[in-house]
Amino acid sequence: MKLNYNKAEFTASYGKFSQIPEFQRIEIAFAGHSNVGKSTLINKLFNRKNLARVSSVPGKTATINFYGLENIYFVDLPGYGYAKVSKSDKDRWAGLIEGYLSSDRDIRLVFMLVDMRHAPTKDDLHMIDYLIDTEMPFVLVLTKADKLKKMERIKRMEAFKEEIPYFEEMHVIPFSSQTFEGVDELKRIVEEIADDNEVSVDDESEDNVSDSI
């Protein structure tokens, strides 16, 4: 299913999980540490400059933000791990993320973002462990790939094998907002999910017709 990414629109923002209405579409979520580049990735994916607000201040995204396109909601989760916020804010953000991921919403995939330049943080590893333990489908996106020289990049990829359990078994996509590396592959994955949903909806419709005969 070829999507017109330019038609993506901001839908809503929620500060508490209890505020989020029941899902009406399939959902793809974006998770990662504060300032890892989630908003930048979303803007590149949708060919837009300011659909998702990009801030140089870590911890700026303190809400769950929904963006709609065709039959999909794209869900930007709060960035975790920023130290310079109150414990109550940290607890609220954690509640938002855990509440969302542990809910019965139709989450088809999580794009899990990690800064390619550095070893994953403890929070990154906890999130990856959570996704593995709950059998949540996810793709590991290594952001800011253009910031590394060729040999630095090779060394980081080798280091990830030691730093992230099961790294070699994961679907990994290096991403750069400057060179557009990884954008086409991200779009291909999104379109495959959109295609799968179209098939499942058609199958359900056929079943309903069969049941009524």
C-alpha atoms as a PDB file:
ATOM      1  CA  MET A   1       0.000   0.000   0.000  1.00  0.00           C
ATOM      2  CA  LYS A   2       1.683   3.209  -1.187  1.00  0.00           C
ATOM      3  CA  LEU A   3       1.058   5.903   1.402  1.00  0.00           C
ATOM      4  CA  ASN A   4       0.973   9.634   0.758  1.00  0.00           C
ATOM      5  CA  TYR A   5       3.084  10.668   3.729  1.00  0.00           C
ATOM      6  CA  ASN A   6       2.451  14.353   3.056  1.00  0.00           C
ATOM      7  CA  LYS A   7      -1.121  13.848   4.222  1.00  0.00           C
ATOM      8  CA  ALA A   8      -0.121  12.857   7.749  1.00  0.00           C
ATOM      9  CA  GLU A   9      -1.746  15.070  10.369  1.00  0.00           C
ATOM     10  CA  PHE A  10      -1.304  15.722  14.057  1.00  0.00           C
ATOM     11  CA  THR A  11      -4.333  14.160  15.755  1.00  0.00           C
ATOM     12  CA  ALA A  12      -4.095  14.638  19.524  1.00  0.00           C
ATOM     13  CA  SER A  13      -1.817  14.856  22.531  1.00  0.00           C
ATOM     14  CA  TYR A  14      -2.402  13.219  25.935  1.00  0.00           C
ATOM     15  CA  GLY A  15      -0.691  13.796  29.272  1.00  0.00           C
ATOM     16  CA  LYS A  16      -2.242  10.770  30.964  1.00  0.00           C
ATOM     17  CA  PHE A  17      -2.926   7.310  29.604  1.00  0.00           C
ATOM     18  CA  SER A  18      -6.474   7.432  31.005  1.00  0.00           C
ATOM     19  CA  GLN A  19      -7.225  10.326  28.634  1.00  0.00           C
ATOM     20  CA  ILE A  20      -6.555   8.291  25.491  1.00  0.00           C
ATOM     21  CA  PRO A  21      -9.732   7.060  23.771  1.00  0.00           C
ATOM     22  CA  GLU A  22     -10.109   3.498  22.554  1.00  0.00           C
ATOM     23  CA  PHE A  23      -8.107   2.741  19.440  1.00  0.00           C
ATOM     24  CA  GLN A  24      -9.760   3.128  16.056  1.00  0.00           C
ATOM     25  CA  ARG A  25      -6.821   2.230  13.836  1.00  0.00           C
ATOM     26  CA  ILE A  26      -3.705   0.107  13.990  1.00  0.00           C
ATOM     27  CA  GLU A  27      -0.799   1.874  15.694  1.00  0.00           C
ATOM     28  CA  ILE A  28       2.962   2.175  15.221  1.00  0.00           C
ATOM     29  CA  ALA A  29       4.873   3.635  18.160  1.00  0.00           C
ATOM     30  CA  PHE A  30       8.206   5.435  18.499  1.00  0.00           C
ATOM     31  CA  ALA A  31      10.167   4.940  21.730  1.00  0.00           C
ATOM     32  CA  GLY A  32      13.549   6.110  22.918  1.00  0.00           C
ATOM     33  CA  HIS A  33      15.667   8.164  25.259  1.00  0.00           C
ATOM     34  CA  SER A  34      15.135  11.919  25.515  1.00  0.00           C
ATOM     35  CA  ASN A  35      16.770  13.763  22.612  1.00  0.00           C
ATOM     36  CA  VAL A  36      17.445  10.559  20.647  1.00  0.00           C
ATOM     37  CA  GLY A  37      15.687  12.070  17.623  1.00  0.00           C
ATOM     38  CA  LYS A  38      12.140  10.694  17.619  1.00  0.00           C
ATOM     39  CA  SER A  39      10.525  13.938  16.456  1.00  0.00           C
ATOM     40  CA  THR A  40      13.186  14.397  13.779  1.00  0.00           C
ATOM     41  CA  LEU A  41      12.633  10.859  12.498  1.00  0.00           C
ATOM     42  CA  ILE A  42       8.856  11.358  12.367  1.00  0.00           C
ATOM     43  CA  ASN A  43       9.301  14.576  10.366  1.00  0.00           C
ATOM     44  CA  LYS A  44      11.630  12.860   7.896  1.00  0.00           C
ATOM     45  CA  LEU A  45       9.261   9.926   7.541  1.00  0.00           C
ATOM     46  CA  PHE A  46       6.404  12.273   6.667  1.00  0.00           C
ATOM     47  CA  ASN A  47       8.480  14.650   4.512  1.00  0.00           C
ATOM     48  CA  ARG A  48       7.549  17.515   6.825  1.00  0.00           C
ATOM     49  CA  LYS A  49       9.614  20.069   8.727  1.00  0.00           C
ATOM     50  CA  ASN A  50       7.457  20.763  11.746  1.00  0.00           C
ATOM     51  CA  LEU A  51       4.774  18.094  12.010  1.00  0.00           C
ATOM     52  CA  ALA A  52       6.467  16.848  15.170  1.00  0.00           C
ATOM     53  CA  ARG A  53       8.078  19.660  17.136  1.00  0.00           C
ATOM     54  CA  VAL A  54      11.832  19.265  17.414  1.00  0.00           C
ATOM     55  CA  SER A  55      13.480  20.748  20.474  1.00  0.00           C
ATOM     56  CA  SER A  56      17.106  21.063  21.533  1.00  0.00           C
ATOM     57  CA  VAL A  57      15.896  20.708  25.122  1.00  0.00           C
ATOM     58  CA  PRO A  58      15.886  17.048  26.267  1.00  0.00           C
ATOM     59  CA  GLY A  59      12.695  15.827  27.883  1.00  0.00           C
ATOM     60  CA  LYS A  60      10.508  18.268  25.941  1.00  0.00           C
ATOM     61  CA  THR A  61       8.036  15.615  24.777  1.00  0.00           C
ATOM     62  CA  ALA A  62       6.093  14.993  27.978  1.00  0.00           C
ATOM     63  CA  THR A  63       2.952  13.668  26.308  1.00  0.00           C
ATOM     64  CA  ILE A  64       1.875  10.860  24.004  1.00  0.00           C
ATOM     65  CA  ASN A  65       1.348  12.448  20.601  1.00  0.00           C
ATOM     66  CA  PHE A  66      -0.779  10.835  17.898  1.00  0.00           C
ATOM     67  CA  TYR A  67      -0.396  11.437  14.164  1.00  0.00           C
ATOM     68  CA  GLY A  68      -2.851  10.006  11.679  1.00  0.00           C
ATOM     69  CA  LEU A  69      -2.309   8.733   8.141  1.00  0.00           C
ATOM     70  CA  GLU A  70      -4.678   6.473   6.225  1.00  0.00           C
ATOM     71  CA  ASN A  71      -5.464   3.470   8.472  1.00  0.00           C
ATOM     72  CA  ILE A  72      -2.584   4.040  10.903  1.00  0.00           C
ATOM     73  CA  TYR A  73      -1.888   6.109  13.984  1.00  0.00           C
ATOM     74  CA  PHE A  74       1.772   6.934  14.563  1.00  0.00           C
ATOM     75  CA  VAL A  75       2.371   7.327  18.279  1.00  0.00           C
ATOM     76  CA  ASP A  76       5.272   9.385  19.661  1.00  0.00           C
ATOM     77  CA  LEU A  77       5.939   8.245  23.224  1.00  0.00           C
ATOM     78  CA  PRO A  78       7.596  10.543  25.803  1.00  0.00           C
ATOM     79  CA  GLY A  79      11.371  10.400  25.830  1.00  0.00           C
ATOM     80  CA  TYR A  80      12.611   8.657  28.937  1.00  0.00           C
ATOM     81  CA  GLY A  81      15.766   8.973  31.011  1.00  0.00           C
ATOM     82  CA  TYR A  82      16.137  12.745  31.246  1.00  0.00           C
ATOM     83  CA  ALA A  83      17.575  13.552  34.662  1.00  0.00           C
ATOM     84  CA  LYS A  84      16.604  17.209  35.055  1.00  0.00           C
ATOM     85  CA  VAL A  85      12.915  16.720  35.732  1.00  0.00           C
ATOM     86  CA  SER A  86      11.053  16.051  38.953  1.00  0.00           C
ATOM     87  CA  LYS A  87      10.385  12.535  40.185  1.00  0.00           C
ATOM     88  CA  SER A  88       6.659  13.114  39.760  1.00  0.00           C
ATOM     89  CA  ASP A  89       7.183  13.963  36.084  1.00  0.00           C
ATOM     90  CA  LYS A  90       9.392  10.896  35.620  1.00  0.00           C
ATOM     91  CA  ASP A  91       6.735   8.723  37.248  1.00  0.00           C
ATOM     92  CA  ARG A  92       4.019  10.229  35.047  1.00  0.00           C
ATOM     93  CA  TRP A  93       6.059   9.656  31.886  1.00  0.00           C
ATOM     94  CA  ALA A  94       6.820   6.084  32.950  1.00  0.00           C
ATOM     95  CA  GLY A  95       3.118   5.539  33.594  1.00  0.00           C
ATOM     96  CA  LEU A  96       2.285   6.895  30.141  1.00  0.00           C
ATOM     97  CA  ILE A  97       4.761   4.635  28.380  1.00  0.00           C
ATOM     98  CA  GLU A  98       4.013   1.490  30.383  1.00  0.00           C
ATOM     99  CA  GLY A  99       0.271   2.117  30.303  1.00  0.00           C
ATOM    100  CA  TYR A 100       0.341   2.465  26.546  1.00  0.00           C
ATOM    101  CA  LEU A 101       2.583  -0.506  25.785  1.00  0.00           C
ATOM    102  CA  SER A 102       0.816  -2.851  28.221  1.00  0.00           C
ATOM    103  CA  SER A 103      -2.665  -1.937  26.998  1.00  0.00           C
ATOM    104  CA  ASP A 104      -4.795  -3.943  24.584  1.00  0.00           C
ATOM    105  CA  ARG A 105      -4.369  -1.372  21.821  1.00  0.00           C
ATOM    106  CA  ASP A 106      -3.616  -2.689  18.344  1.00  0.00           C
ATOM    107  CA  ILE A 107       0.117  -1.868  18.393  1.00  0.00           C
ATOM    108  CA  ARG A 108       1.627  -3.501  15.323  1.00  0.00           C
ATOM    109  CA  LEU A 109       5.209  -2.311  15.793  1.00  0.00           C
ATOM    110  CA  VAL A 110       7.517  -0.199  17.942  1.00  0.00           C
ATOM    111  CA  PHE A 111      10.397   1.685  16.367  1.00  0.00           C
ATOM    112  CA  MET A 112      12.926   1.584  19.225  1.00  0.00           C
ATOM    113  CA  LEU A 113      15.441   4.416  18.786  1.00  0.00           C
ATOM    114  CA  VAL A 114      18.992   4.321  20.160  1.00  0.00           C
ATOM    115  CA  ASP A 115      21.737   6.901  19.541  1.00  0.00           C
ATOM    116  CA  MET A 116      24.269   5.135  17.320  1.00  0.00           C
ATOM    117  CA  ARG A 117      27.172   7.178  18.687  1.00  0.00           C
ATOM    118  CA  HIS A 118      26.973   5.773  22.204  1.00  0.00           C
ATOM    119  CA  ALA A 119      26.424   2.600  24.165  1.00  0.00           C
ATOM    120  CA  PRO A 120      22.738   2.116  25.044  1.00  0.00           C
ATOM    121  CA  THR A 121      21.704   3.537  28.397  1.00  0.00           C
ATOM    122  CA  LYS A 122      20.289   1.403  31.193  1.00  0.00           C
ATOM    123  CA  ASP A 123      16.857   2.769  30.304  1.00  0.00           C
ATOM    124  CA  ASP A 124      17.362   1.745  26.672  1.00  0.00           C
ATOM    125  CA  LEU A 125      18.240  -1.776  27.762  1.00  0.00           C
ATOM    126  CA  HIS A 126      15.255  -1.927  30.113  1.00  0.00           C
ATOM    127  CA  MET A 127      12.974  -0.871  27.260  1.00  0.00           C
ATOM    128  CA  ILE A 128      14.471  -3.423  24.876  1.00  0.00           C
ATOM    129  CA  ASP A 129      14.129  -6.131  27.533  1.00  0.00           C
ATOM    130  CA  TYR A 130      10.509  -5.129  28.053  1.00  0.00           C
ATOM    131  CA  LEU A 131       9.746  -5.346  24.337  1.00  0.00           C
ATOM    132  CA  ILE A 132      11.402  -8.768  24.132  1.00  0.00           C
ATOM    133  CA  ASP A 133       9.727 -10.106  27.286  1.00  0.00           C
ATOM    134  CA  THR A 134       6.273  -8.971  26.163  1.00  0.00           C
ATOM    135  CA  GLU A 135       6.909 -10.230  22.616  1.00  0.00           C
ATOM    136  CA  MET A 136       6.131  -6.801  21.228  1.00  0.00           C
ATOM    137  CA  PRO A 137       7.306  -6.548  17.596  1.00  0.00           C
ATOM    138  CA  PHE A 138       9.986  -3.890  17.269  1.00  0.00           C
ATOM    139  CA  VAL A 139      12.686  -2.577  14.964  1.00  0.00           C
ATOM    140  CA  LEU A 140      15.874  -1.098  16.397  1.00  0.00           C
ATOM    141  CA  VAL A 141      16.623   2.260  14.765  1.00  0.00           C
ATOM    142  CA  LEU A 142      20.133   3.635  15.288  1.00  0.00           C
ATOM    143  CA  THR A 143      19.863   7.405  15.002  1.00  0.00           C
ATOM    144  CA  LYS A 144      22.450  10.075  14.111  1.00  0.00           C
ATOM    145  CA  ALA A 145      24.367   7.628  11.916  1.00  0.00           C
ATOM    146  CA  ASP A 146      25.903  10.461   9.895  1.00  0.00           C
ATOM    147  CA  LYS A 147      27.758  11.714  12.984  1.00  0.00           C
ATOM    148  CA  LEU A 148      30.150   8.756  12.840  1.00  0.00           C
ATOM    149  CA  LYS A 149      33.077   8.250  10.512  1.00  0.00           C
ATOM    150  CA  LYS A 150      33.344   4.915   8.713  1.00  0.00           C
ATOM    151  CA  MET A 151      35.661   3.209  11.226  1.00  0.00           C
ATOM    152  CA  GLU A 152      33.785   4.670  14.207  1.00  0.00           C
ATOM    153  CA  ARG A 153      30.588   3.245  12.800  1.00  0.00           C
ATOM    154  CA  ILE A 154      32.099  -0.196  12.312  1.00  0.00           C
ATOM    155  CA  LYS A 155      33.366  -0.157  15.915  1.00  0.00           C
ATOM    156  CA  ARG A 156      29.981   0.898  17.277  1.00  0.00           C
ATOM    157  CA  MET A 157      28.172  -1.849  15.367  1.00  0.00           C
ATOM    158  CA  GLU A 158      30.612  -4.397  16.788  1.00  0.00           C
ATOM    159  CA  ALA A 159      30.191  -2.959  20.281  1.00  0.00           C
ATOM    160  CA  PHE A 160      26.389  -3.186  20.057  1.00  0.00           C
ATOM    161  CA  LYS A 161      26.751  -6.950  19.702  1.00  0.00           C
ATOM    162  CA  GLU A 162      28.191  -7.012  23.214  1.00  0.00           C
ATOM    163  CA  GLU A 163      26.052  -4.242  24.690  1.00  0.00           C
ATOM    164  CA  ILE A 164      22.579  -5.304  23.502  1.00  0.00           C
ATOM    165  CA  PRO A 165      21.396  -8.887  24.076  1.00  0.00           C
ATOM    166  CA  TYR A 166      20.253 -10.627  20.875  1.00  0.00           C
ATOM    167  CA  PHE A 167      21.432  -7.642  18.812  1.00  0.00           C
ATOM    168  CA  GLU A 168      22.435  -9.841  15.880  1.00  0.00           C
ATOM    169  CA  GLU A 169      18.931 -11.308  15.744  1.00  0.00           C
ATOM    170  CA  MET A 170      17.223  -7.918  15.599  1.00  0.00           C
ATOM    171  CA  HIS A 171      16.066  -5.955  12.592  1.00  0.00           C
ATOM    172  CA  VAL A 172      18.415  -2.953  12.781  1.00  0.00           C
ATOM    173  CA  ILE A 173      18.177   0.221  10.693  1.00  0.00           C
ATOM    174  CA  PRO A 174      20.844   2.944  10.846  1.00  0.00           C
ATOM    175  CA  PHE A 175      19.124   6.308  10.369  1.00  0.00           C
ATOM    176  CA  SER A 176      20.268   9.823   9.483  1.00  0.00           C
ATOM    177  CA  SER A 177      18.105  12.904   9.150  1.00  0.00           C
ATOM    178  CA  GLN A 178      20.897  14.569   7.185  1.00  0.00           C
ATOM    179  CA  THR A 179      21.594  11.913   4.534  1.00  0.00           C
ATOM    180  CA  PHE A 180      18.127  10.282   4.651  1.00  0.00           C
ATOM    181  CA  GLU A 181      19.760   6.919   5.302  1.00  0.00           C
ATOM    182  CA  GLY A 182      17.137   4.460   6.502  1.00  0.00           C
ATOM    183  CA  VAL A 183      14.087   6.514   5.488  1.00  0.00           C
ATOM    184  CA  ASP A 184      13.112   4.296   2.546  1.00  0.00           C
ATOM    185  CA  GLU A 185      13.443   1.153   4.655  1.00  0.00           C
ATOM    186  CA  LEU A 186      11.300   2.663   7.430  1.00  0.00           C
ATOM    187  CA  LYS A 187       8.641   3.559   4.867  1.00  0.00           C
ATOM    188  CA  ARG A 188       8.747   0.059   3.384  1.00  0.00           C
ATOM    189  CA  ILE A 189       8.081  -1.447   6.817  1.00  0.00           C
ATOM    190  CA  VAL A 190       5.201   0.970   7.458  1.00  0.00           C
ATOM    191  CA  GLU A 191       3.656   0.158   4.084  1.00  0.00           C
ATOM    192  CA  GLU A 192       3.944  -3.580   4.715  1.00  0.00           C
ATOM    193  CA  ILE A 193       2.015  -3.103   7.964  1.00  0.00           C
ATOM    194  CA  ALA A 194      -0.596  -1.014   6.135  1.00  0.00           C
ATOM    195  CA  ASP A 195      -0.903  -3.772   3.507  1.00  0.00           C
ATOM    196  CA  ASP A 196      -1.301  -6.461   6.162  1.00  0.00           C
ATOM    197  CA  ASN A 197      -4.073  -4.468   7.799  1.00  0.00           C
ATOM    198  CA  GLU A 198      -5.908  -4.060   4.496  1.00  0.00           C
ATOM    199  CA  VAL A 199      -5.776  -7.824   3.971  1.00  0.00           C
ATOM    200  CA  SER A 200      -7.022  -8.551   7.492  1.00  0.00           C
ATOM    201  CA  VAL A 201      -9.899  -6.075   7.091  1.00  0.00           C
ATOM    202  CA  ASP A 202     -10.861  -7.633   3.746  1.00  0.00           C
ATOM    203  CA  ASP A 203     -10.716 -11.129   5.259  1.00  0.00           C
ATOM    204  CA  GLU A 204     -12.922 -10.033   8.152  1.00  0.00           C
ATOM    205  CA  SER A 205     -15.424  -8.531   5.719  1.00  0.00           C
ATOM    206  CA  GLU A 206     -15.540 -11.809   3.758  1.00  0.00           C
ATOM    207  CA  ASP A 207     -16.069 -13.745   6.978  1.00  0.00           C
ATOM    208  CA  ASN A 208     -18.953 -11.473   7.899  1.00  0.00           C
ATOM    209  CA  VAL A 209     -20.509 -12.012   4.468  1.00  0.00           C
ATOM    210  CA  SER A 210     -20.078 -15.778   4.808  1.00  0.00           C
ATOM    211  CA  ASP A 211     -21.667 -15.734   8.249  1.00  0.00           C
ATOM    212  CA  SER A 212     -24.683 -13.857   6.938  1.00  0.00           C
ATOM    213  CA  ILE A 213     -25.397 -16.298   4.113  1.00  0.00           C
END
